Amino acid sequence: MKEFLIVSDIHGALSAAQKVAELASSYRHVLMLGDALYHGPRNDLPSSYNPKAVIPILNGLRDKILAVRGNCDAEVDQMVLSFPVMSTTSIIQCDERTFIMSHGHIYNEENLPPMAEGSVFLYGHTHIPVIREQNGIVIFNPGSTSIPKGGYPASYGEYDDGCLKVLSLEDDSEIFSFKLKDRS
């Protein structure tokens, strides 16, 4: 079983949530980087927009999901989702490495939270996938599962065995990957 499925910006798209649920069975944890149910005023409606149908799909993954709040998420979302979604950041330890999750509207590439060298910063919000290293910190954005931008396909992320990947939601093909430096 792989370690982390990393998703962001589902925005209430039923087809994206269904694919996330399908993928989740191969991962120990699902890291959700915000904007689960609503599209927000700056985005077009995603195809298959149906937030009410997305709720039971995500709730079915509640034992695997660790989520942070996106700029389109609100208190009402917490009333219908059976896992915490209101934190703006979350910290996970895995493989002797620190992963810090945020949606990206507060902390992002230009405004990183305080982090130690060797940490990994996970964020969404821009709908554009990114993997790069900056001053010893790896910055990772899986893109969007529902409203991709920048010419990229709908995508998701994966972390396993020291490697981060961005993969196409449509056919699971690799868009790009990054092998983290050995911590020993």
Protein backbone atom coordinates (compact mmCIF):
# COMPACT_ATOMS: atom_id res chain seq x y z
CA MET A 1 0.00 0.00 0.00
CA LYS A 2 1.30 3.46 -0.92
CA GLU A 3 1.65 6.19 1.71
CA PHE A 4 -0.17 9.43 0.67
CA LEU A 5 -2.76 10.25 -1.98
CA ILE A 6 -2.63 14.06 -2.22
CA VAL A 7 -5.64 15.89 -3.67
CA SER A 8 -6.78 19.47 -3.90
CA ASP A 9 -9.60 21.54 -5.32
CA ILE A 10 -12.32 18.93 -5.88
CA HIS A 11 -14.80 21.84 -5.88
CA GLY A 12 -17.86 19.58 -5.65
CA ALA A 13 -17.12 17.64 -8.85
CA LEU A 14 -18.73 14.22 -8.53
CA SER A 15 -16.51 12.53 -11.11
CA ALA A 16 -13.37 13.82 -9.35
CA ALA A 17 -14.61 12.62 -5.94
CA GLN A 18 -15.45 9.21 -7.39
CA LYS A 19 -11.94 8.89 -8.82
CA VAL A 20 -10.40 9.96 -5.49
CA ALA A 21 -12.45 7.27 -3.71
CA GLU A 22 -11.31 4.68 -6.26
CA LEU A 23 -7.65 5.68 -5.83
CA ALA A 24 -7.87 5.87 -2.01
CA SER A 25 -7.99 2.10 -1.62
CA SER A 26 -4.32 1.94 -2.69
CA TYR A 27 -3.12 4.49 -0.11
CA ARG A 28 -2.76 4.57 3.67
CA HIS A 29 -3.82 8.24 3.90
CA VAL A 30 -5.62 10.83 1.78
CA LEU A 31 -4.25 14.35 2.24
CA MET A 32 -6.90 16.84 1.10
CA LEU A 33 -5.60 20.36 0.53
CA GLY A 34 -8.93 22.22 0.61
CA ASP A 35 -11.81 23.39 -1.56
CA ALA A 36 -13.73 20.14 -1.29
CA LEU A 37 -17.36 21.07 -1.99
CA TYR A 38 -17.81 24.50 -3.58
CA HIS A 39 -16.42 26.15 -6.68
CA GLY A 40 -16.20 29.75 -5.45
CA PRO A 41 -17.06 32.90 -7.40
CA ARG A 42 -13.82 32.99 -9.44
CA ASN A 43 -14.17 29.50 -10.94
CA ASP A 44 -16.52 28.12 -13.53
CA LEU A 45 -18.69 25.23 -12.37
CA PRO A 46 -16.72 22.02 -12.78
CA SER A 47 -18.25 19.36 -14.97
CA SER A 48 -20.29 16.92 -12.86
CA TYR A 49 -20.76 19.60 -10.16
CA ASN A 50 -22.82 17.96 -7.43
CA PRO A 51 -21.58 18.83 -3.92
CA LYS A 52 -24.43 16.97 -2.22
CA ALA A 53 -23.36 13.74 -3.94
CA VAL A 54 -19.68 14.38 -3.10
CA ILE A 55 -20.41 14.55 0.66
CA PRO A 56 -21.13 10.81 1.21
CA ILE A 57 -18.16 9.86 -0.98
CA LEU A 58 -15.74 11.93 1.11
CA ASN A 59 -17.40 10.85 4.37
CA GLY A 60 -16.81 7.25 3.31
CA LEU A 61 -13.07 8.05 3.36
CA ARG A 62 -13.16 9.79 6.77
CA ASP A 63 -10.80 7.28 8.41
CA LYS A 64 -8.12 8.01 5.79
CA ILE A 65 -8.56 11.75 5.22
CA LEU A 66 -6.45 14.48 6.77
CA ALA A 67 -7.75 17.80 5.44
CA VAL A 68 -7.09 21.52 5.62
CA ARG A 69 -9.46 24.37 4.90
CA GLY A 70 -9.46 26.02 1.48
CA ASN A 71 -10.62 29.52 0.67
CA CYS A 72 -13.93 28.13 -0.68
CA ASP A 73 -14.57 25.98 2.42
CA ALA A 74 -16.85 27.27 5.18
CA GLU A 75 -18.28 26.28 8.57
CA VAL A 76 -21.30 24.77 6.83
CA ASP A 77 -18.97 22.26 5.17
CA GLN A 78 -17.92 21.01 8.60
CA MET A 79 -21.60 20.46 9.41
CA VAL A 80 -21.91 17.88 6.61
CA LEU A 81 -18.41 16.37 6.52
CA SER A 82 -17.52 13.80 9.18
CA PHE A 83 -13.80 14.62 9.35
CA PRO A 84 -12.09 17.88 10.39
CA VAL A 85 -11.80 20.46 7.58
CA MET A 86 -11.40 23.79 9.37
CA SER A 87 -7.65 23.92 10.10
CA THR A 88 -5.61 26.22 7.87
CA THR A 89 -2.49 24.06 8.30
CA SER A 90 -1.61 20.56 9.38
CA ILE A 91 1.70 18.84 10.08
CA ILE A 92 2.43 15.18 9.33
CA GLN A 93 5.56 13.17 10.10
CA CYS A 94 6.43 10.36 7.70
CA ASP A 95 9.72 8.69 6.80
CA GLU A 96 11.54 10.95 9.28
CA ARG A 97 10.33 13.93 7.26
CA THR A 98 7.95 16.78 8.09
CA PHE A 99 5.10 17.51 5.69
CA ILE A 100 3.21 20.76 6.19
CA MET A 101 -0.19 21.04 4.51
CA SER A 102 -1.96 24.28 3.64
CA HIS A 103 -4.44 25.26 0.95
CA GLY A 104 -2.29 28.01 -0.52
CA HIS A 105 -4.39 31.13 -0.04
CA ILE A 106 -2.54 31.99 3.20
CA TYR A 107 0.72 30.06 2.97
CA ASN A 108 2.13 29.41 -0.49
CA GLU A 109 5.39 29.47 -2.49
CA GLU A 110 5.84 33.20 -1.87
CA ASN A 111 4.79 33.01 1.80
CA LEU A 112 6.04 29.75 3.30
CA PRO A 113 5.23 28.91 6.92
CA PRO A 114 8.24 28.49 9.23
CA MET A 115 9.82 25.21 8.16
CA ALA A 116 13.04 23.32 8.74
CA GLU A 117 15.31 22.41 5.85
CA GLY A 118 14.35 19.00 4.47
CA SER A 119 10.62 19.59 5.05
CA VAL A 120 7.95 19.28 2.38
CA PHE A 121 5.33 21.99 1.85
CA LEU A 122 2.04 20.74 0.32
CA TYR A 123 -0.46 23.22 -1.04
CA GLY A 124 -3.20 23.59 -3.67
CA HIS A 125 -5.26 26.68 -4.56
CA THR A 126 -3.56 27.60 -7.87
CA HIS A 127 -4.84 24.51 -9.74
CA ILE A 128 -1.36 24.25 -11.31
CA PRO A 129 0.90 21.33 -10.34
CA VAL A 130 4.37 22.12 -8.99
CA ILE A 131 7.30 20.12 -7.65
CA ARG A 132 10.50 22.01 -6.89
CA GLU A 133 13.07 22.61 -4.20
CA GLN A 134 13.66 26.05 -2.73
CA ASN A 135 16.28 26.67 -0.02
CA GLY A 136 16.21 23.03 1.08
CA ILE A 137 12.40 22.86 1.24
CA VAL A 138 10.45 20.83 -1.29
CA ILE A 139 7.35 22.61 -2.58
CA PHE A 140 4.55 20.43 -3.95
CA ASN A 141 1.17 21.25 -5.49
CA PRO A 142 -0.84 18.35 -6.98
CA GLY A 143 -2.90 20.64 -9.22
CA SER A 144 -6.69 20.35 -9.28
CA THR A 145 -8.84 17.25 -9.60
CA SER A 146 -11.68 19.25 -11.17
CA ILE A 147 -10.71 22.64 -12.61
CA PRO A 148 -7.14 22.34 -13.91
CA LYS A 149 -5.33 25.45 -15.09
CA GLY A 150 -2.11 26.29 -16.92
CA GLY A 151 -2.71 23.76 -19.69
CA TYR A 152 -2.39 20.79 -17.30
CA PRO A 153 -4.91 17.96 -17.08
CA ALA A 154 -6.92 17.29 -13.92
CA SER A 155 -4.37 15.81 -11.55
CA TYR A 156 -3.54 14.43 -8.14
CA GLY A 157 -0.40 13.78 -6.14
CA GLU A 158 1.27 10.83 -4.54
CA TYR A 159 3.99 10.36 -1.96
CA ASP A 160 5.54 6.96 -1.50
CA ASP A 161 8.99 5.57 -0.80
CA GLY A 162 10.63 9.01 -0.78
CA CYS A 163 9.17 10.10 -4.12
CA LEU A 164 6.57 12.78 -4.89
CA LYS A 165 4.59 12.49 -8.13
CA VAL A 166 1.91 14.44 -9.96
CA LEU A 167 -0.35 12.11 -11.94
CA SER A 168 -3.15 12.62 -14.46
CA LEU A 169 -6.58 11.99 -12.94
CA GLU A 170 -7.81 10.68 -16.28
CA ASP A 171 -5.31 7.88 -16.91
CA ASP A 172 -2.92 7.89 -13.91
CA SER A 173 0.03 8.72 -16.18
CA GLU A 174 2.92 10.56 -14.56
CA ILE A 175 3.12 14.29 -15.29
CA PHE A 176 6.30 14.75 -13.27
CA SER A 177 8.07 13.39 -10.20
CA PHE A 178 10.73 14.33 -7.66
CA LYS A 179 12.88 11.96 -5.57
CA LEU A 180 13.47 13.44 -2.12
CA LYS A 181 17.02 13.44 -0.80
CA ASP A 182 17.87 10.64 1.58
CA ARG A 183 17.56 11.82 5.20
CA SER A 184 20.41 9.64 6.54
